[in-house]
Amino acid sequence: MARKKRKKENPIPRTTGKGGNYRKTKSGAGMTRKGVKAYRRANPGSKLKTAVTGKVKKGSKAAKRRKSYCARSLGQLKRSSAKTRNNPNSRIRQARRRWKC
């Protein structure tokens, strides 16, 4: 009796090609604008936004989002392995650099 191949329910998200909703690590990790739009279509009512990468006024909403992200991601960085924590090319370090943390 031949076995049927099972289709994966949650395929690994691709960074490039069709359905490339995530940035490559070298370009700062995180989701692309296209990826955020796709996520919001799939999850109505979502408030997901792209990274705050530009200059912002002190105390503005964007500045507060950046400060909040930087605080959360610092916790993630501290809890990661020493190899990841010390690697300047790890996804978390690149994302923090992109957010200007």
N, C-alpha and C. Protein backbone atom coordinates (compact mmCIF):
# COMPACT_ATOMS: atom_id res chain seq x y z
N MET A 1 0.83 -1.17 0.00
CA MET A 1 0.00 0.00 0.00
C MET A 1 0.89 1.25 0.00
N ALA A 2 0.64 2.16 -0.92
CA ALA A 2 1.44 3.38 -1.02
C ALA A 2 0.96 4.42 -0.01
N ARG A 3 1.91 5.11 0.56
CA ARG A 3 1.58 6.17 1.52
C ARG A 3 1.30 7.47 0.80
N LYS A 4 0.34 8.20 1.33
CA LYS A 4 0.06 9.52 0.78
C LYS A 4 0.91 10.54 1.53
N LYS A 5 1.43 11.51 0.79
CA LYS A 5 2.19 12.58 1.43
C LYS A 5 1.22 13.58 2.04
N ARG A 6 1.50 13.94 3.28
CA ARG A 6 0.67 14.94 3.94
C ARG A 6 1.14 16.33 3.58
N LYS A 7 0.19 17.20 3.39
CA LYS A 7 0.51 18.59 3.10
C LYS A 7 0.73 19.30 4.43
N LYS A 8 1.79 20.06 4.53
CA LYS A 8 2.06 20.79 5.76
C LYS A 8 0.99 21.85 5.98
N GLU A 9 0.48 21.92 7.22
CA GLU A 9 -0.55 22.91 7.54
C GLU A 9 0.03 24.31 7.63
N ASN A 10 1.17 24.45 8.28
CA ASN A 10 1.81 25.75 8.44
C ASN A 10 3.17 25.74 7.76
N PRO A 11 3.22 26.09 6.47
CA PRO A 11 4.51 26.10 5.79
C PRO A 11 5.41 27.17 6.39
N ILE A 12 6.72 26.96 6.26
CA ILE A 12 7.69 27.93 6.77
C ILE A 12 7.59 29.20 5.94
N PRO A 13 7.48 30.37 6.59
CA PRO A 13 7.37 31.61 5.83
C PRO A 13 8.63 31.87 5.01
N ARG A 14 8.45 32.21 3.75
CA ARG A 14 9.58 32.48 2.87
C ARG A 14 9.92 33.96 2.92
N THR A 15 11.17 34.25 2.67
CA THR A 15 11.58 35.64 2.65
C THR A 15 11.58 36.20 1.24
N THR A 16 11.71 35.33 0.24
CA THR A 16 11.77 35.82 -1.13
C THR A 16 10.77 35.07 -1.99
N GLY A 17 10.62 35.52 -3.22
CA GLY A 17 9.74 34.84 -4.16
C GLY A 17 8.27 35.11 -3.88
N LYS A 18 7.42 34.29 -4.45
CA LYS A 18 5.98 34.46 -4.28
C LYS A 18 5.62 34.27 -2.80
N GLY A 19 4.91 35.22 -2.25
CA GLY A 19 4.53 35.14 -0.84
C GLY A 19 5.67 35.51 0.10
N GLY A 20 6.64 36.28 -0.39
CA GLY A 20 7.77 36.70 0.44
C GLY A 20 7.38 37.85 1.33
N ASN A 21 6.88 37.54 2.52
CA ASN A 21 6.37 38.58 3.40
C ASN A 21 7.33 38.99 4.50
N TYR A 22 8.51 38.41 4.51
CA TYR A 22 9.48 38.72 5.55
C TYR A 22 10.77 39.19 4.93
N ARG A 23 11.42 40.15 5.57
CA ARG A 23 12.71 40.65 5.08
C ARG A 23 13.80 39.63 5.35
N LYS A 24 14.79 39.63 4.50
CA LYS A 24 15.97 38.82 4.76
C LYS A 24 16.68 39.43 5.96
N THR A 25 17.45 38.64 6.65
CA THR A 25 18.15 39.13 7.85
C THR A 25 19.04 40.32 7.52
N LYS A 26 19.76 40.26 6.41
CA LYS A 26 20.69 41.33 6.07
C LYS A 26 20.00 42.65 5.78
N SER A 27 18.70 42.59 5.40
CA SER A 27 17.98 43.84 5.15
C SER A 27 17.16 44.27 6.35
N GLY A 28 17.44 43.69 7.51
CA GLY A 28 16.83 44.19 8.74
C GLY A 28 15.77 43.32 9.36
N ALA A 29 15.55 42.11 8.86
CA ALA A 29 14.56 41.18 9.41
C ALA A 29 13.17 41.83 9.45
N GLY A 30 12.21 41.25 10.15
CA GLY A 30 10.86 41.82 10.24
C GLY A 30 10.03 41.59 8.99
N MET A 31 8.82 42.12 9.01
CA MET A 31 7.90 41.95 7.89
C MET A 31 8.01 43.09 6.89
N THR A 32 7.71 42.78 5.65
CA THR A 32 7.68 43.79 4.60
C THR A 32 6.32 44.48 4.63
N ARG A 33 6.21 45.59 3.92
CA ARG A 33 4.93 46.30 3.83
C ARG A 33 3.87 45.38 3.22
N LYS A 34 4.28 44.63 2.19
CA LYS A 34 3.39 43.68 1.54
C LYS A 34 2.92 42.61 2.52
N GLY A 35 3.85 42.14 3.35
CA GLY A 35 3.53 41.12 4.35
C GLY A 35 2.53 41.62 5.38
N VAL A 36 2.68 42.87 5.80
CA VAL A 36 1.75 43.45 6.77
C VAL A 36 0.36 43.56 6.15
N LYS A 37 0.30 43.98 4.90
CA LYS A 37 -1.00 44.09 4.21
C LYS A 37 -1.67 42.72 4.12
N ALA A 38 -0.88 41.69 3.77
CA ALA A 38 -1.42 40.33 3.66
C ALA A 38 -1.93 39.85 5.02
N TYR A 39 -1.18 40.13 6.08
CA TYR A 39 -1.58 39.73 7.43
C TYR A 39 -2.88 40.41 7.83
N ARG A 40 -2.99 41.69 7.52
CA ARG A 40 -4.19 42.44 7.91
C ARG A 40 -5.42 41.99 7.11
N ARG A 41 -5.20 41.56 5.86
CA ARG A 41 -6.32 41.00 5.07
C ARG A 41 -6.80 39.70 5.70
N ALA A 42 -5.85 38.88 6.13
CA ALA A 42 -6.17 37.57 6.71
C ALA A 42 -6.74 37.69 8.12
N ASN A 43 -6.43 38.79 8.81
CA ASN A 43 -6.87 39.00 10.20
C ASN A 43 -7.55 40.35 10.33
N PRO A 44 -8.83 40.44 9.93
CA PRO A 44 -9.52 41.73 9.99
C PRO A 44 -9.52 42.29 11.42
N GLY A 45 -9.34 43.59 11.52
CA GLY A 45 -9.31 44.23 12.83
C GLY A 45 -7.91 44.30 13.43
N SER A 46 -6.93 43.72 12.73
CA SER A 46 -5.55 43.73 13.22
C SER A 46 -4.98 45.14 13.12
N LYS A 47 -4.10 45.49 14.04
CA LYS A 47 -3.46 46.81 14.03
C LYS A 47 -1.96 46.70 13.75
N LEU A 48 -1.55 45.60 13.13
CA LEU A 48 -0.14 45.39 12.84
C LEU A 48 0.38 46.48 11.91
N LYS A 49 1.56 46.99 12.21
CA LYS A 49 2.19 48.03 11.41
C LYS A 49 3.62 47.65 11.12
N THR A 50 4.22 48.34 10.14
CA THR A 50 5.62 48.10 9.82
C THR A 50 6.52 48.82 10.83
N ALA A 51 7.81 48.59 10.74
CA ALA A 51 8.77 49.16 11.68
C ALA A 51 8.85 50.68 11.56
N VAL A 52 9.17 51.32 12.69
CA VAL A 52 9.42 52.76 12.71
C VAL A 52 10.90 52.93 12.41
N THR A 53 11.22 53.37 11.19
CA THR A 53 12.62 53.42 10.78
C THR A 53 13.13 54.83 10.56
N GLY A 54 12.24 55.78 10.38
CA GLY A 54 12.68 57.15 10.07
C GLY A 54 12.88 57.99 11.30
N LYS A 55 13.10 59.29 11.07
CA LYS A 55 13.23 60.24 12.17
C LYS A 55 11.85 60.51 12.74
N VAL A 56 11.76 60.61 14.06
CA VAL A 56 10.48 60.88 14.70
C VAL A 56 10.62 61.99 15.72
N LYS A 57 9.50 62.69 15.95
CA LYS A 57 9.50 63.73 16.97
C LYS A 57 9.43 63.08 18.34
N LYS A 58 10.12 63.66 19.28
CA LYS A 58 10.14 63.15 20.65
C LYS A 58 8.72 63.17 21.21
N GLY A 59 8.28 62.04 21.78
CA GLY A 59 6.96 61.97 22.40
C GLY A 59 5.82 61.67 21.44
N SER A 60 6.12 61.53 20.13
CA SER A 60 5.06 61.22 19.16
C SER A 60 4.65 59.75 19.29
N LYS A 61 3.55 59.39 18.63
CA LYS A 61 3.08 58.00 18.67
C LYS A 61 4.15 57.06 18.15
N ALA A 62 4.80 57.46 17.05
CA ALA A 62 5.83 56.61 16.45
C ALA A 62 7.01 56.44 17.41
N ALA A 63 7.38 57.51 18.10
CA ALA A 63 8.49 57.44 19.05
C ALA A 63 8.14 56.50 20.20
N LYS A 64 6.89 56.52 20.63
CA LYS A 64 6.44 55.65 21.71
C LYS A 64 6.43 54.20 21.26
N ARG A 65 6.01 53.95 19.99
CA ARG A 65 6.04 52.59 19.44
C ARG A 65 7.46 52.07 19.39
N ARG A 66 8.39 52.92 18.95
CA ARG A 66 9.79 52.53 18.86
C ARG A 66 10.33 52.19 20.25
N LYS A 67 10.05 53.05 21.22
CA LYS A 67 10.54 52.83 22.58
C LYS A 67 10.00 51.52 23.14
N SER A 68 8.72 51.26 22.87
CA SER A 68 8.09 50.03 23.34
C SER A 68 8.71 48.80 22.68
N TYR A 69 8.90 48.87 21.36
CA TYR A 69 9.51 47.74 20.65
C TYR A 69 10.92 47.48 21.17
N CYS A 70 11.68 48.55 21.35
CA CYS A 70 13.06 48.39 21.80
C CYS A 70 13.11 47.74 23.18
N ALA A 71 12.19 48.10 24.05
CA ALA A 71 12.15 47.49 25.39
C ALA A 71 11.80 46.01 25.29
N ARG A 72 10.80 45.66 24.46
CA ARG A 72 10.40 44.25 24.30
C ARG A 72 11.50 43.43 23.68
N SER A 73 12.10 43.98 22.63
CA SER A 73 13.12 43.21 21.90
C SER A 73 14.39 43.04 22.73
N LEU A 74 14.67 43.98 23.64
CA LEU A 74 15.82 43.82 24.52
C LEU A 74 15.62 42.60 25.42
N GLY A 75 14.38 42.39 25.86
CA GLY A 75 14.06 41.20 26.65
C GLY A 75 14.27 39.93 25.84
N GLN A 76 13.86 39.95 24.57
CA GLN A 76 14.07 38.79 23.70
C GLN A 76 15.55 38.53 23.52
N LEU A 77 16.31 39.60 23.32
CA LEU A 77 17.74 39.49 23.11
C LEU A 77 18.42 38.89 24.33
N LYS A 78 18.04 39.34 25.51
CA LYS A 78 18.63 38.83 26.74
C LYS A 78 18.33 37.36 26.96
N ARG A 79 17.16 36.91 26.50
CA ARG A 79 16.76 35.51 26.71
C ARG A 79 17.26 34.57 25.62
N SER A 80 17.86 35.11 24.58
CA SER A 80 18.37 34.26 23.51
C SER A 80 19.71 33.67 23.91
N SER A 81 20.17 32.71 23.12
CA SER A 81 21.44 32.05 23.42
C SER A 81 22.59 33.04 23.25
N ALA A 82 23.71 32.74 23.86
CA ALA A 82 24.89 33.60 23.78
C ALA A 82 25.34 33.74 22.32
N LYS A 83 25.20 32.66 21.56
CA LYS A 83 25.59 32.68 20.15
C LYS A 83 24.77 33.72 19.38
N THR A 84 23.46 33.72 19.61
CA THR A 84 22.57 34.68 18.94
C THR A 84 22.81 36.09 19.46
N ARG A 85 22.95 36.20 20.77
CA ARG A 85 23.11 37.50 21.44
C ARG A 85 24.35 38.23 20.95
N ASN A 86 25.41 37.49 20.70
CA ASN A 86 26.69 38.10 20.33
C ASN A 86 26.92 38.20 18.82
N ASN A 87 26.02 37.61 18.04
CA ASN A 87 26.16 37.61 16.59
C ASN A 87 25.52 38.88 16.02
N PRO A 88 26.29 39.78 15.42
CA PRO A 88 25.70 41.01 14.89
C PRO A 88 24.76 40.77 13.71
N ASN A 89 24.81 39.58 13.11
CA ASN A 89 23.95 39.28 11.97
C ASN A 89 22.73 38.43 12.34
N SER A 90 22.45 38.25 13.63
CA SER A 90 21.26 37.48 14.01
C SER A 90 20.01 38.31 13.71
N ARG A 91 18.88 37.65 13.53
CA ARG A 91 17.63 38.35 13.16
C ARG A 91 17.24 39.40 14.19
N ILE A 92 17.35 39.07 15.46
CA ILE A 92 16.93 40.01 16.50
C ILE A 92 17.84 41.24 16.50
N ARG A 93 19.14 41.05 16.32
CA ARG A 93 20.07 42.19 16.31
C ARG A 93 19.83 43.07 15.08
N GLN A 94 19.58 42.43 13.94
CA GLN A 94 19.33 43.19 12.72
C GLN A 94 18.02 43.97 12.81
N ALA A 95 17.00 43.33 13.39
CA ALA A 95 15.70 44.01 13.54
C ALA A 95 15.85 45.21 14.47
N ARG A 96 16.59 45.03 15.57
CA ARG A 96 16.80 46.14 16.50
C ARG A 96 17.57 47.28 15.83
N ARG A 97 18.51 46.93 14.97
CA ARG A 97 19.26 47.96 14.23
C ARG A 97 18.32 48.71 13.29
N ARG A 98 17.43 47.99 12.63
CA ARG A 98 16.49 48.61 11.70
C ARG A 98 15.55 49.57 12.41
N TRP A 99 15.14 49.20 13.62
CA TRP A 99 14.25 50.06 14.42
C TRP A 99 15.02 51.18 15.09
N LYS A 100 16.35 51.19 14.96
CA LYS A 100 17.24 52.18 15.60
C LYS A 100 17.17 52.10 17.12
N CYS A 101 17.30 50.87 17.64
CA CYS A 101 17.32 50.66 19.09
C CYS A 101 18.73 50.80 19.62
